[in-house]
Amino acid sequence: VQLQASGGGLVQAGTSLRLSCSASGFTFSSHGIGWFRQAPGKEREFVALVSWNGGRTDYADSVKGRFVISRDSSKNEVYLQMNNLKVEDTAIYYCAATRYSGLALRAYDYDYWGQGTQVTVSS
């Protein structure tokens, strides 16, 4: 099982970035995919999720209206389009996969995790 997050970098506030999560080694089409982030000295927090069939998405209040999650099951990939980035979005971003069909907002709802990609937003 592998989840590879990529696309992070150093950007200025107000700009955009798109993260990608590439999955392999499990049945991608039957798993929901979530993005979490962890800033230095803080707990890992939920950012967004897309259901197994792409029919449902959920977002943390802090990113709602700025971030968009999507999936391409033909490529086994999930994307997180991050717009109007803020300094407080700075964190390591992780993608994770869950078999839970409900509202998977907690880290322990997820079965598999990627290694993370650093996003740094400067003012």
PDB file of N, CA and C in Angstrom:
ATOM      1  N   VAL A   1       0.854  -1.192   0.000  1.00  0.00           N
ATOM      2  CA  VAL A   1       0.000   0.000   0.000  1.00  0.00           C
ATOM      3  C   VAL A   1       0.886   1.236   0.000  1.00  0.00           C
ATOM      4  N   GLN A   2       0.558   2.157  -0.892  1.00  0.00           N
ATOM      5  CA  GLN A   2       1.344   3.382  -0.958  1.00  0.00           C
ATOM      6  C   GLN A   2       0.444   4.554  -1.294  1.00  0.00           C
ATOM      7  N   LEU A   3       0.629   5.625  -0.550  1.00  0.00           N
ATOM      8  CA  LEU A   3      -0.008   6.897  -0.834  1.00  0.00           C
ATOM      9  C   LEU A   3       1.103   7.931  -0.927  1.00  0.00           C
ATOM     10  N   GLN A   4       1.229   8.544  -2.073  1.00  0.00           N
ATOM     11  CA  GLN A   4       2.319   9.488  -2.314  1.00  0.00           C
ATOM     12  C   GLN A   4       1.748  10.881  -2.507  1.00  0.00           C
ATOM     13  N   ALA A   5       1.982  11.744  -1.524  1.00  0.00           N
ATOM     14  CA  ALA A   5       1.540  13.131  -1.629  1.00  0.00           C
ATOM     15  C   ALA A   5       2.644  13.965  -2.269  1.00  0.00           C
ATOM     16  N   SER A   6       2.257  14.881  -3.138  1.00  0.00           N
ATOM     17  CA  SER A   6       3.233  15.742  -3.801  1.00  0.00           C
ATOM     18  C   SER A   6       2.589  17.077  -4.140  1.00  0.00           C
ATOM     19  N   GLY A   7       3.432  18.018  -4.565  1.00  0.00           N
ATOM     20  CA  GLY A   7       2.923  19.308  -4.998  1.00  0.00           C
ATOM     21  C   GLY A   7       3.123  20.441  -4.015  1.00  0.00           C
ATOM     22  N   GLY A   8       3.670  20.145  -2.863  1.00  0.00           N
ATOM     23  CA  GLY A   8       3.901  21.189  -1.881  1.00  0.00           C
ATOM     24  C   GLY A   8       5.002  22.138  -2.322  1.00  0.00           C
ATOM     25  N   GLY A   9       5.159  23.204  -1.565  1.00  0.00           N
ATOM     26  CA  GLY A   9       6.199  24.166  -1.882  1.00  0.00           C
ATOM     27  C   GLY A   9       6.067  25.428  -1.071  1.00  0.00           C
ATOM     28  N   LEU A  10       6.885  26.410  -1.429  1.00  0.00           N
ATOM     29  CA  LEU A  10       6.877  27.722  -0.775  1.00  0.00           C
ATOM     30  C   LEU A  10       6.173  28.708  -1.696  1.00  0.00           C
ATOM     31  N   VAL A  11       5.086  29.292  -1.201  1.00  0.00           N
ATOM     32  CA  VAL A  11       4.316  30.237  -2.003  1.00  0.00           C
ATOM     33  C   VAL A  11       3.963  31.453  -1.157  1.00  0.00           C
ATOM     34  N   GLN A  12       3.548  32.503  -1.832  1.00  0.00           N
ATOM     35  CA  GLN A  12       3.129  33.713  -1.121  1.00  0.00           C
ATOM     36  C   GLN A  12       1.641  33.646  -0.791  1.00  0.00           C
ATOM     37  N   ALA A  13       1.270  34.345   0.240  1.00  0.00           N
ATOM     38  CA  ALA A  13      -0.136  34.426   0.618  1.00  0.00           C
ATOM     39  C   ALA A  13      -0.956  34.976  -0.534  1.00  0.00           C
ATOM     40  N   GLY A  14      -2.135  34.423  -0.706  1.00  0.00           N
ATOM     41  CA  GLY A  14      -3.027  34.860  -1.768  1.00  0.00           C
ATOM     42  C   GLY A  14      -2.898  34.076  -3.062  1.00  0.00           C
ATOM     43  N   THR A  15      -1.877  33.251  -3.150  1.00  0.00           N
ATOM     44  CA  THR A  15      -1.681  32.458  -4.363  1.00  0.00           C
ATOM     45  C   THR A  15      -2.283  31.065  -4.209  1.00  0.00           C
ATOM     46  N   SER A  16      -2.081  30.227  -5.223  1.00  0.00           N
ATOM     47  CA  SER A  16      -2.682  28.900  -5.251  1.00  0.00           C
ATOM     48  C   SER A  16      -1.627  27.812  -5.368  1.00  0.00           C
ATOM     49  N   LEU A  17      -2.038  26.621  -4.973  1.00  0.00           N
ATOM     50  CA  LEU A  17      -1.175  25.445  -5.061  1.00  0.00           C
ATOM     51  C   LEU A  17      -2.081  24.237  -5.217  1.00  0.00           C
ATOM     52  N   ARG A  18      -1.626  23.254  -5.982  1.00  0.00           N
ATOM     53  CA  ARG A  18      -2.409  22.033  -6.101  1.00  0.00           C
ATOM     54  C   ARG A  18      -1.586  20.841  -5.625  1.00  0.00           C
ATOM     55  N   LEU A  19      -2.124  20.147  -4.643  1.00  0.00           N
ATOM     56  CA  LEU A  19      -1.494  18.937  -4.140  1.00  0.00           C
ATOM     57  C   LEU A  19      -2.089  17.724  -4.844  1.00  0.00           C
ATOM     58  N   SER A  20      -1.261  16.719  -5.019  1.00  0.00           N
ATOM     59  CA  SER A  20      -1.709  15.459  -5.604  1.00  0.00           C
ATOM     60  C   SER A  20      -1.416  14.320  -4.642  1.00  0.00           C
ATOM     61  N   CYS A  21      -2.268  13.316  -4.691  1.00  0.00           N
ATOM     62  CA  CYS A  21      -2.080  12.109  -3.896  1.00  0.00           C
ATOM     63  C   CYS A  21      -2.237  10.928  -4.832  1.00  0.00           C
ATOM     64  N   SER A  22      -1.167  10.185  -5.017  1.00  0.00           N
ATOM     65  CA  SER A  22      -1.178   9.029  -5.905  1.00  0.00           C
ATOM     66  C   SER A  22      -1.248   7.760  -5.069  1.00  0.00           C
ATOM     67  N   ALA A  23      -2.188   6.879  -5.381  1.00  0.00           N
ATOM     68  CA  ALA A  23      -2.427   5.689  -4.571  1.00  0.00           C
ATOM     69  C   ALA A  23      -2.138   4.411  -5.342  1.00  0.00           C
ATOM     70  N   SER A  24      -1.659   3.404  -4.609  1.00  0.00           N
ATOM     71  CA  SER A  24      -1.430   2.098  -5.204  1.00  0.00           C
ATOM     72  C   SER A  24      -1.442   1.041  -4.113  1.00  0.00           C
ATOM     73  N   GLY A  25      -1.678  -0.204  -4.508  1.00  0.00           N
ATOM     74  CA  GLY A  25      -1.605  -1.308  -3.565  1.00  0.00           C
ATOM     75  C   GLY A  25      -2.884  -1.640  -2.827  1.00  0.00           C
ATOM     76  N   PHE A  26      -3.962  -0.931  -3.133  1.00  0.00           N
ATOM     77  CA  PHE A  26      -5.254  -1.234  -2.530  1.00  0.00           C
ATOM     78  C   PHE A  26      -6.339  -0.835  -3.524  1.00  0.00           C
ATOM     79  N   THR A  27      -7.576  -1.198  -3.213  1.00  0.00           N
ATOM     80  CA  THR A  27      -8.681  -0.913  -4.120  1.00  0.00           C
ATOM     81  C   THR A  27      -9.099   0.544  -3.961  1.00  0.00           C
ATOM     82  N   PHE A  28      -8.508   1.378  -4.772  1.00  0.00           N
ATOM     83  CA  PHE A  28      -8.698   2.837  -4.665  1.00  0.00           C
ATOM     84  C   PHE A  28     -10.172   3.206  -4.773  1.00  0.00           C
ATOM     85  N   SER A  29     -10.887   2.555  -5.680  1.00  0.00           N
ATOM     86  CA  SER A  29     -12.271   2.936  -5.961  1.00  0.00           C
ATOM     87  C   SER A  29     -13.227   2.631  -4.812  1.00  0.00           C
ATOM     88  N   SER A  30     -12.783   1.887  -3.813  1.00  0.00           N
ATOM     89  CA  SER A  30     -13.664   1.586  -2.685  1.00  0.00           C
ATOM     90  C   SER A  30     -13.256   2.333  -1.419  1.00  0.00           C
ATOM     91  N   HIS A  31     -12.335   3.263  -1.547  1.00  0.00           N
ATOM     92  CA  HIS A  31     -11.855   4.027  -0.394  1.00  0.00           C
ATOM     93  C   HIS A  31     -12.116   5.520  -0.547  1.00  0.00           C
ATOM     94  N   GLY A  32     -12.587   6.118   0.530  1.00  0.00           N
ATOM     95  CA  GLY A  32     -12.591   7.560   0.584  1.00  0.00           C
ATOM     96  C   GLY A  32     -11.168   8.054   0.818  1.00  0.00           C
ATOM     97  N   ILE A  33     -10.875   9.261   0.374  1.00  0.00           N
ATOM     98  CA  ILE A  33      -9.549   9.844   0.545  1.00  0.00           C
ATOM     99  C   ILE A  33      -9.680  11.179   1.264  1.00  0.00           C
ATOM    100  N   GLY A  34      -8.861  11.345   2.275  1.00  0.00           N
ATOM    101  CA  GLY A  34      -8.872  12.588   3.026  1.00  0.00           C
ATOM    102  C   GLY A  34      -7.520  13.272   3.001  1.00  0.00           C
ATOM    103  N   TRP A  35      -7.556  14.563   3.211  1.00  0.00           N
ATOM    104  CA  TRP A  35      -6.329  15.348   3.417  1.00  0.00           C
ATOM    105  C   TRP A  35      -6.343  15.866   4.854  1.00  0.00           C
ATOM    106  N   PHE A  36      -5.211  15.728   5.515  1.00  0.00           N
ATOM    107  CA  PHE A  36      -5.002  16.272   6.845  1.00  0.00           C
ATOM    108  C   PHE A  36      -3.757  17.154   6.789  1.00  0.00           C
ATOM    109  N   ARG A  37      -3.587  17.970   7.792  1.00  0.00           N
ATOM    110  CA  ARG A  37      -2.371  18.761   7.862  1.00  0.00           C
ATOM    111  C   ARG A  37      -1.915  18.887   9.304  1.00  0.00           C
ATOM    112  N   GLN A  38      -0.636  19.112   9.451  1.00  0.00           N
ATOM    113  CA  GLN A  38      -0.067  19.267  10.789  1.00  0.00           C
ATOM    114  C   GLN A  38       0.973  20.371  10.760  1.00  0.00           C
ATOM    115  N   ALA A  39       0.696  21.402  11.530  1.00  0.00           N
ATOM    116  CA  ALA A  39       1.631  22.509  11.675  1.00  0.00           C
ATOM    117  C   ALA A  39       2.543  22.240  12.863  1.00  0.00           C
ATOM    118  N   PRO A  40       3.719  22.859  12.899  1.00  0.00           N
ATOM    119  CA  PRO A  40       4.646  22.641  14.014  1.00  0.00           C
ATOM    120  C   PRO A  40       3.998  22.934  15.361  1.00  0.00           C
ATOM    121  N   GLY A  41       4.114  21.998  16.276  1.00  0.00           N
ATOM    122  CA  GLY A  41       3.577  22.198  17.613  1.00  0.00           C
ATOM    123  C   GLY A  41       2.084  22.025  17.739  1.00  0.00           C
ATOM    124  N   LYS A  42       1.436  21.608  16.648  1.00  0.00           N
ATOM    125  CA  LYS A  42      -0.017  21.438  16.673  1.00  0.00           C
ATOM    126  C   LYS A  42      -0.391  19.997  16.315  1.00  0.00           C
ATOM    127  N   GLU A  43      -1.608  19.658  16.652  1.00  0.00           N
ATOM    128  CA  GLU A  43      -2.098  18.325  16.322  1.00  0.00           C
ATOM    129  C   GLU A  43      -2.494  18.250  14.841  1.00  0.00           C
ATOM    130  N   ARG A  44      -2.470  17.034  14.341  1.00  0.00           N
ATOM    131  CA  ARG A  44      -2.913  16.827  12.974  1.00  0.00           C
ATOM    132  C   ARG A  44      -4.403  17.136  12.883  1.00  0.00           C
ATOM    133  N   GLU A  45      -4.796  17.872  11.847  1.00  0.00           N
ATOM    134  CA  GLU A  45      -6.193  18.265  11.713  1.00  0.00           C
ATOM    135  C   GLU A  45      -6.737  17.914  10.337  1.00  0.00           C
ATOM    136  N   PHE A  46      -8.011  17.649  10.329  1.00  0.00           N
ATOM    137  CA  PHE A  46      -8.724  17.337   9.098  1.00  0.00           C
ATOM    138  C   PHE A  46      -8.799  18.567   8.205  1.00  0.00           C
ATOM    139  N   VAL A  47      -8.625  18.350   6.896  1.00  0.00           N
ATOM    140  CA  VAL A  47      -8.734  19.433   5.932  1.00  0.00           C
ATOM    141  C   VAL A  47      -9.905  19.199   4.977  1.00  0.00           C
ATOM    142  N   ALA A  48      -9.915  18.045   4.326  1.00  0.00           N
ATOM    143  CA  ALA A  48     -10.954  17.767   3.329  1.00  0.00           C
ATOM    144  C   ALA A  48     -11.022  16.272   3.067  1.00  0.00           C
ATOM    145  N   LEU A  49     -12.161  15.833   2.570  1.00  0.00           N
ATOM    146  CA  LEU A  49     -12.278  14.440   2.160  1.00  0.00           C
ATOM    147  C   LEU A  49     -13.185  14.333   0.940  1.00  0.00           C
ATOM    148  N   VAL A  50     -12.960  13.285   0.171  1.00  0.00           N
ATOM    149  CA  VAL A  50     -13.827  12.945  -0.953  1.00  0.00           C
ATOM    150  C   VAL A  50     -14.209  11.479  -0.791  1.00  0.00           C
ATOM    151  N   SER A  51     -15.479  11.188  -0.987  1.00  0.00           N
ATOM    152  CA  SER A  51     -15.976   9.829  -0.790  1.00  0.00           C
ATOM    153  C   SER A  51     -15.453   8.886  -1.869  1.00  0.00           C
ATOM    154  N   TRP A  52     -15.692   7.601  -1.663  1.00  0.00           N
ATOM    155  CA  TRP A  52     -15.146   6.574  -2.547  1.00  0.00           C
ATOM    156  C   TRP A  52     -15.548   6.765  -4.003  1.00  0.00           C
ATOM    157  N   ASN A  53     -16.746   7.305  -4.215  1.00  0.00           N
ATOM    158  CA  ASN A  53     -17.216   7.475  -5.590  1.00  0.00           C
ATOM    159  C   ASN A  53     -17.182   8.922  -6.050  1.00  0.00           C
ATOM    160  N   GLY A  54     -16.620   9.800  -5.209  1.00  0.00           N
ATOM    161  CA  GLY A  54     -16.536  11.199  -5.584  1.00  0.00           C
ATOM    162  C   GLY A  54     -17.823  11.962  -5.404  1.00  0.00           C
ATOM    163  N   GLY A  55     -18.842  11.277  -4.879  1.00  0.00           N
ATOM    164  CA  GLY A  55     -20.144  11.910  -4.779  1.00  0.00           C
ATOM    165  C   GLY A  55     -20.312  12.841  -3.597  1.00  0.00           C
ATOM    166  N   ARG A  56     -19.385  12.766  -2.662  1.00  0.00           N
ATOM    167  CA  ARG A  56     -19.491  13.611  -1.473  1.00  0.00           C
ATOM    168  C   ARG A  56     -18.125  14.183  -1.131  1.00  0.00           C
ATOM    169  N   THR A  57     -18.143  15.444  -0.770  1.00  0.00           N
ATOM    170  CA  THR A  57     -16.928  16.089  -0.279  1.00  0.00           C
ATOM    171  C   THR A  57     -17.246  16.824   1.020  1.00  0.00           C
ATOM    172  N   ASP A  58     -16.267  16.944   1.872  1.00  0.00           N
ATOM    173  CA  ASP A  58     -16.408  17.702   3.117  1.00  0.00           C
ATOM    174  C   ASP A  58     -15.135  18.488   3.374  1.00  0.00           C
ATOM    175  N   TYR A  59     -15.294  19.617   4.026  1.00  0.00           N
ATOM    176  CA  TYR A  59     -14.158  20.499   4.272  1.00  0.00           C
ATOM    177  C   TYR A  59     -14.174  21.017   5.701  1.00  0.00           C
ATOM    178  N   ALA A  60     -12.992  21.255   6.197  1.00  0.00           N
ATOM    179  CA  ALA A  60     -12.891  21.973   7.458  1.00  0.00           C
ATOM    180  C   ALA A  60     -13.368  23.408   7.240  1.00  0.00           C
ATOM    181  N   ASP A  61     -13.946  23.980   8.259  1.00  0.00           N
ATOM    182  CA  ASP A  61     -14.456  25.358   8.136  1.00  0.00           C
ATOM    183  C   ASP A  61     -13.349  26.328   7.723  1.00  0.00           C
ATOM    184  N   SER A  62     -12.131  26.061   8.171  1.00  0.00           N
ATOM    185  CA  SER A  62     -11.020  26.979   7.914  1.00  0.00           C
ATOM    186  C   SER A  62     -10.614  27.031   6.440  1.00  0.00           C
ATOM    187  N   VAL A  63     -11.013  26.025   5.649  1.00  0.00           N
ATOM    188  CA  VAL A  63     -10.618  26.008   4.237  1.00  0.00           C
ATOM    189  C   VAL A  63     -11.816  26.053   3.299  1.00  0.00           C
ATOM    190  N   LYS A  64     -13.004  25.986   3.861  1.00  0.00           N
ATOM    191  CA  LYS A  64     -14.211  25.978   3.033  1.00  0.00           C
ATOM    192  C   LYS A  64     -14.273  27.239   2.181  1.00  0.00           C
ATOM    193  N   GLY A  65     -14.547  27.051   0.890  1.00  0.00           N
ATOM    194  CA  GLY A  65     -14.609  28.171  -0.030  1.00  0.00           C
ATOM    195  C   GLY A  65     -13.272  28.519  -0.676  1.00  0.00           C
ATOM    196  N   ARG A  66     -12.180  27.937  -0.144  1.00  0.00           N
ATOM    197  CA  ARG A  66     -10.844  28.196  -0.714  1.00  0.00           C
ATOM    198  C   ARG A  66     -10.213  26.932  -1.304  1.00  0.00           C
ATOM    199  N   PHE A  67     -10.489  25.796  -0.691  1.00  0.00           N
ATOM    200  CA  PHE A  67      -9.897  24.532  -1.130  1.00  0.00           C
ATOM    201  C   PHE A  67     -10.963  23.685  -1.832  1.00  0.00           C
ATOM    202  N   VAL A  68     -10.515  22.922  -2.824  1.00  0.00           N
ATOM    203  CA  VAL A  68     -11.402  22.002  -3.531  1.00  0.00           C
ATOM    204  C   VAL A  68     -10.709  20.655  -3.665  1.00  0.00           C
ATOM    205  N   ILE A  69     -11.386  19.598  -3.219  1.00  0.00           N
ATOM    206  CA  ILE A  69     -10.852  18.244  -3.334  1.00  0.00           C
ATOM    207  C   ILE A  69     -11.563  17.535  -4.473  1.00  0.00           C
ATOM    208  N   SER A  70     -10.804  16.739  -5.210  1.00  0.00           N
ATOM    209  CA  SER A  70     -11.393  15.969  -6.314  1.00  0.00           C
ATOM    210  C   SER A  70     -10.602  14.689  -6.495  1.00  0.00           C
ATOM    211  N   ARG A  71     -11.193  13.744  -7.229  1.00  0.00           N
ATOM    212  CA  ARG A  71     -10.490  12.495  -7.465  1.00  0.00           C
ATOM    213  C   ARG A  71     -10.643  12.075  -8.912  1.00  0.00           C
ATOM    214  N   ASP A  72      -9.633  11.385  -9.404  1.00  0.00           N
ATOM    215  CA  ASP A  72      -9.656  10.805 -10.744  1.00  0.00           C
ATOM    216  C   ASP A  72      -9.381   9.319 -10.563  1.00  0.00           C
ATOM    217  N   SER A  73     -10.445   8.541 -10.538  1.00  0.00           N
ATOM    218  CA  SER A  73     -10.286   7.114 -10.272  1.00  0.00           C
ATOM    219  C   SER A  73      -9.594   6.376 -11.409  1.00  0.00           C
ATOM    220  N   SER A  74      -9.594   6.956 -12.604  1.00  0.00           N
ATOM    221  CA  SER A  74      -8.901   6.320 -13.723  1.00  0.00           C
ATOM    222  C   SER A  74      -7.381   6.380 -13.536  1.00  0.00           C
ATOM    223  N   LYS A  75      -6.943   7.342 -12.711  1.00  0.00           N
ATOM    224  CA  LYS A  75      -5.510   7.510 -12.453  1.00  0.00           C
ATOM    225  C   LYS A  75      -5.133   7.149 -11.022  1.00  0.00           C
ATOM    226  N   ASN A  76      -6.118   6.755 -10.213  1.00  0.00           N
ATOM    227  CA  ASN A  76      -5.872   6.503  -8.783  1.00  0.00           C
ATOM    228  C   ASN A  76      -5.234   7.715  -8.110  1.00  0.00           C
ATOM    229  N   GLU A  77      -5.792   8.863  -8.389  1.00  0.00           N
ATOM    230  CA  GLU A  77      -5.240  10.091  -7.825  1.00  0.00           C
ATOM    231  C   GLU A  77      -6.334  10.962  -7.211  1.00  0.00           C
ATOM    232  N   VAL A  78      -5.943  11.694  -6.198  1.00  0.00           N
ATOM    233  CA  VAL A  78      -6.805  12.688  -5.564  1.00  0.00           C
ATOM    234  C   VAL A  78      -6.038  14.005  -5.546  1.00  0.00           C
ATOM    235  N   TYR A  79      -6.767  15.097  -5.720  1.00  0.00           N
ATOM    236  CA  TYR A  79      -6.145  16.406  -5.790  1.00  0.00           C
ATOM    237  C   TYR A  79      -6.743  17.333  -4.729  1.00  0.00           C
ATOM    238  N   LEU A  80      -5.933  18.251  -4.269  1.00  0.00           N
ATOM    239  CA  LEU A  80      -6.409  19.291  -3.376  1.00  0.00           C
ATOM    240  C   LEU A  80      -5.979  20.621  -3.968  1.00  0.00           C
ATOM    241  N   GLN A  81      -6.918  21.316  -4.561  1.00  0.00           N
ATOM    242  CA  GLN A  81      -6.663  22.638  -5.111  1.00  0.00           C
ATOM    243  C   GLN A  81      -6.816  23.652  -3.991  1.00  0.00           C
ATOM    244  N   MET A  82      -5.749  24.351  -3.703  1.00  0.00           N
ATOM    245  CA  MET A  82      -5.745  25.302  -2.589  1.00  0.00           C
ATOM    246  C   MET A  82      -5.611  26.712  -3.155  1.00  0.00           C
ATOM    247  N   ASN A  83      -6.632  27.510  -2.975  1.00  0.00           N
ATOM    248  CA  ASN A  83      -6.657  28.883  -3.484  1.00  0.00           C
ATOM    249  C   ASN A  83      -6.616  29.882  -2.342  1.00  0.00           C
ATOM    250  N   ASN A  84      -6.199  31.089  -2.671  1.00  0.00           N
ATOM    251  CA  ASN A  84      -6.154  32.158  -1.672  1.00  0.00           C
ATOM    252  C   ASN A  84      -5.479  31.680  -0.383  1.00  0.00           C
ATOM    253  N   LEU A  85      -4.294  31.136  -0.544  1.00  0.00           N
ATOM    254  CA  LEU A  85      -3.587  30.560   0.599  1.00  0.00           C
ATOM    255  C   LEU A  85      -3.259  31.622   1.641  1.00  0.00           C
ATOM    256  N   LYS A  86      -3.282  31.205   2.888  1.00  0.00           N
ATOM    257  CA  LYS A  86      -2.986  32.073   4.014  1.00  0.00           C
ATOM    258  C   LYS A  86      -1.775  31.536   4.767  1.00  0.00           C
ATOM    259  N   VAL A  87      -1.142  32.418   5.514  1.00  0.00           N
ATOM    260  CA  VAL A  87       0.026  32.005   6.294  1.00  0.00           C
ATOM    261  C   VAL A  87      -0.322  30.838   7.216  1.00  0.00           C
ATOM    262  N   GLU A  88      -1.526  30.868   7.748  1.00  0.00           N
ATOM    263  CA  GLU A  88      -1.952  29.813   8.677  1.00  0.00           C
ATOM    264  C   GLU A  88      -2.221  28.466   7.995  1.00  0.00           C
ATOM    265  N   ASP A  89      -2.130  28.417   6.681  1.00  0.00           N
ATOM    266  CA  ASP A  89      -2.237  27.140   5.970  1.00  0.00           C
ATOM    267  C   ASP A  89      -0.901  26.402   5.955  1.00  0.00           C
ATOM    268  N   THR A  90       0.142  27.032   6.433  1.00  0.00           N
ATOM    269  CA  THR A  90       1.463  26.405   6.471  1.00  0.00           C
ATOM    270  C   THR A  90       1.437  25.152   7.333  1.00  0.00           C
ATOM    271  N   ALA A  91       1.844  24.030   6.752  1.00  0.00           N
ATOM    272  CA  ALA A  91       1.805  22.747   7.464  1.00  0.00           C
ATOM    273  C   ALA A  91       2.345  21.661   6.541  1.00  0.00           C
ATOM    274  N   ILE A  92       2.532  20.492   7.118  1.00  0.00           N
ATOM    275  CA  ILE A  92       2.763  19.300   6.303  1.00  0.00           C
ATOM    276  C   ILE A  92       1.389  18.724   5.994  1.00  0.00           C
ATOM    277  N   TYR A  93       1.139  18.464   4.733  1.00  0.00           N
ATOM    278  CA  TYR A  93      -0.151  17.940   4.290  1.00  0.00           C
ATOM    279  C   TYR A  93      -0.019  16.449   3.980  1.00  0.00           C
ATOM    280  N   TYR A  94      -0.945  15.677   4.542  1.00  0.00           N
ATOM    281  CA  TYR A  94      -0.959  14.235   4.376  1.00  0.00           C
ATOM    282  C   TYR A  94      -2.244  13.804   3.684  1.00  0.00           C
ATOM    283  N   CYS A  95      -2.136  12.812   2.807  1.00  0.00           N
ATOM    284  CA  CYS A  95      -3.343  12.184   2.299  1.00  0.00           C
ATOM    285  C   CYS A  95      -3.479  10.811   2.945  1.00  0.00           C
ATOM    286  N   ALA A  96      -4.721  10.382   3.082  1.00  0.00           N
ATOM    287  CA  ALA A  96      -5.006   9.121   3.755  1.00  0.00           C
ATOM    288  C   ALA A  96      -6.228   8.471   3.123  1.00  0.00           C
ATOM    289  N   ALA A  97      -6.326   7.152   3.272  1.00  0.00           N
ATOM    290  CA  ALA A  97      -7.424   6.398   2.674  1.00  0.00           C
ATOM    291  C   ALA A  97      -8.238   5.713   3.760  1.00  0.00           C
ATOM    292  N   THR A  98      -9.543   5.687   3.561  1.00  0.00           N
ATOM    293  CA  THR A  98     -10.438   5.075   4.539  1.00  0.00           C
ATOM    294  C   THR A  98     -11.469   4.191   3.872  1.00  0.00           C
ATOM    295  N   ARG A  99     -11.799   3.081   4.520  1.00  0.00           N
ATOM    296  CA  ARG A  99     -12.896   2.228   4.064  1.00  0.00           C
ATOM    297  C   ARG A  99     -14.211   2.641   4.714  1.00  0.00           C
ATOM    298  N   TYR A 100     -14.122   3.555   5.664  1.00  0.00           N
ATOM    299  CA  TYR A 100     -15.304   4.010   6.386  1.00  0.00           C
ATOM    300  C   TYR A 100     -16.180   4.814   5.446  1.00  0.00           C
ATOM    301  N   SER A 101     -17.431   4.444   5.315  1.00  0.00           N
ATOM    302  CA  SER A 101     -18.322   5.105   4.358  1.00  0.00           C
ATOM    303  C   SER A 101     -19.038   6.303   4.954  1.00  0.00           C
ATOM    304  N   GLY A 102     -18.858   6.515   6.254  1.00  0.00           N
ATOM    305  CA  GLY A 102     -19.498   7.664   6.892  1.00  0.00           C
ATOM    306  C   GLY A 102     -18.637   8.902   6.800  1.00  0.00           C
ATOM    307  N   LEU A 103     -18.870   9.834   7.691  1.00  0.00           N
ATOM    308  CA  LEU A 103     -18.149  11.097   7.689  1.00  0.00           C
ATOM    309  C   LEU A 103     -16.819  10.911   8.422  1.00  0.00           C
ATOM    310  N   ALA A 104     -15.765  10.702   7.672  1.00  0.00           N
ATOM    311  CA  ALA A 104     -14.454  10.378   8.238  1.00  0.00           C
ATOM    312  C   ALA A 104     -13.652  11.649   8.473  1.00  0.00           C
ATOM    313  N   LEU A 105     -13.859  12.249   9.626  1.00  0.00           N
ATOM    314  CA  LEU A 105     -13.197  13.516   9.950  1.00  0.00           C
ATOM    315  C   LEU A 105     -12.019  13.352  10.892  1.00  0.00           C
ATOM    316  N   ARG A 106     -11.839  12.157  11.438  1.00  0.00           N
ATOM    317  CA  ARG A 106     -10.810  11.930  12.438  1.00  0.00           C
ATOM    318  C   ARG A 106      -9.717  11.042  11.875  1.00  0.00           C
ATOM    319  N   ALA A 107      -8.507  11.272  12.351  1.00  0.00           N
ATOM    320  CA  ALA A 107      -7.365  10.523  11.835  1.00  0.00           C
ATOM    321  C   ALA A 107      -7.549   9.019  12.026  1.00  0.00           C
ATOM    322  N   TYR A 108      -8.136   8.624  13.127  1.00  0.00           N
ATOM    323  CA  TYR A 108      -8.265   7.181  13.372  1.00  0.00           C
ATOM    324  C   TYR A 108      -9.333   6.516  12.510  1.00  0.00           C
ATOM    325  N   ASP A 109     -10.069   7.290  11.723  1.00  0.00           N
ATOM    326  CA  ASP A 109     -11.009   6.713  10.755  1.00  0.00           C
ATOM    327  C   ASP A 109     -10.284   6.163   9.530  1.00  0.00           C
ATOM    328  N   TYR A 110      -8.994   6.497   9.391  1.00  0.00           N
ATOM    329  CA  TYR A 110      -8.255   6.190   8.175  1.00  0.00           C
ATOM    330  C   TYR A 110      -7.329   4.996   8.356  1.00  0.00           C
ATOM    331  N   ASP A 111      -7.224   4.208   7.277  1.00  0.00           N
ATOM    332  CA  ASP A 111      -6.467   2.956   7.320  1.00  0.00           C
ATOM    333  C   ASP A 111      -5.038   3.111   6.806  1.00  0.00           C
ATOM    334  N   TYR A 112      -4.866   3.955   5.800  1.00  0.00           N
ATOM    335  CA  TYR A 112      -3.552   4.096   5.174  1.00  0.00           C
ATOM    336  C   TYR A 112      -3.181   5.575   5.086  1.00  0.00           C
ATOM    337  N   TRP A 113      -1.888   5.844   5.242  1.00  0.00           N
ATOM    338  CA  TRP A 113      -1.384   7.223   5.236  1.00  0.00           C
ATOM    339  C   TRP A 113      -0.193   7.361   4.303  1.00  0.00           C
ATOM    340  N   GLY A 114      -0.100   8.540   3.683  1.00  0.00           N
ATOM    341  CA  GLY A 114       1.068   8.889   2.900  1.00  0.00           C
ATOM    342  C   GLY A 114       2.093   9.591   3.770  1.00  0.00           C
ATOM    343  N   GLN A 115       3.207   9.991   3.169  1.00  0.00           N
ATOM    344  CA  GLN A 115       4.330  10.524   3.934  1.00  0.00           C
ATOM    345  C   GLN A 115       4.263  12.038   4.138  1.00  0.00           C
ATOM    346  N   GLY A 116       3.399  12.727   3.444  1.00  0.00           N
ATOM    347  CA  GLY A 116       3.253  14.164   3.631  1.00  0.00           C
ATOM    348  C   GLY A 116       4.072  15.009   2.668  1.00  0.00           C
ATOM    349  N   THR A 117       3.565  16.206   2.420  1.00  0.00           N
ATOM    350  CA  THR A 117       4.268  17.183   1.591  1.00  0.00           C
ATOM    351  C   THR A 117       4.178  18.545   2.270  1.00  0.00           C
ATOM    352  N   GLN A 118       5.284  19.261   2.302  1.00  0.00           N
ATOM    353  CA  GLN A 118       5.348  20.525   3.038  1.00  0.00           C
ATOM    354  C   GLN A 118       4.753  21.666   2.216  1.00  0.00           C
ATOM    355  N   VAL A 119       3.868  22.417   2.836  1.00  0.00           N
ATOM    356  CA  VAL A 119       3.329  23.641   2.246  1.00  0.00           C
ATOM    357  C   VAL A 119       3.704  24.793   3.159  1.00  0.00           C
ATOM    358  N   THR A 120       4.394  25.772   2.615  1.00  0.00           N
ATOM    359  CA  THR A 120       4.794  26.946   3.377  1.00  0.00           C
ATOM    360  C   THR A 120       4.259  28.190   2.672  1.00  0.00           C
ATOM    361  N   VAL A 121       3.482  28.969   3.393  1.00  0.00           N
ATOM    362  CA  VAL A 121       2.892  30.179   2.835  1.00  0.00           C
ATOM    363  C   VAL A 121       3.516  31.375   3.537  1.00  0.00           C
ATOM    364  N   SER A 122       4.140  32.229   2.756  1.00  0.00           N
ATOM    365  CA  SER A 122       4.794  33.414   3.321  1.00  0.00           C
ATOM    366  C   SER A 122       3.912  34.644   3.145  1.00  0.00           C
ATOM    367  N   SER A 123       4.094  35.597   4.027  1.00  0.00           N
ATOM    368  CA  SER A 123       3.273  36.823   3.985  1.00  0.00           C
ATOM    369  C   SER A 123       3.869  37.862   3.054  1.00  0.00           C
TER     370      SER A 123
END
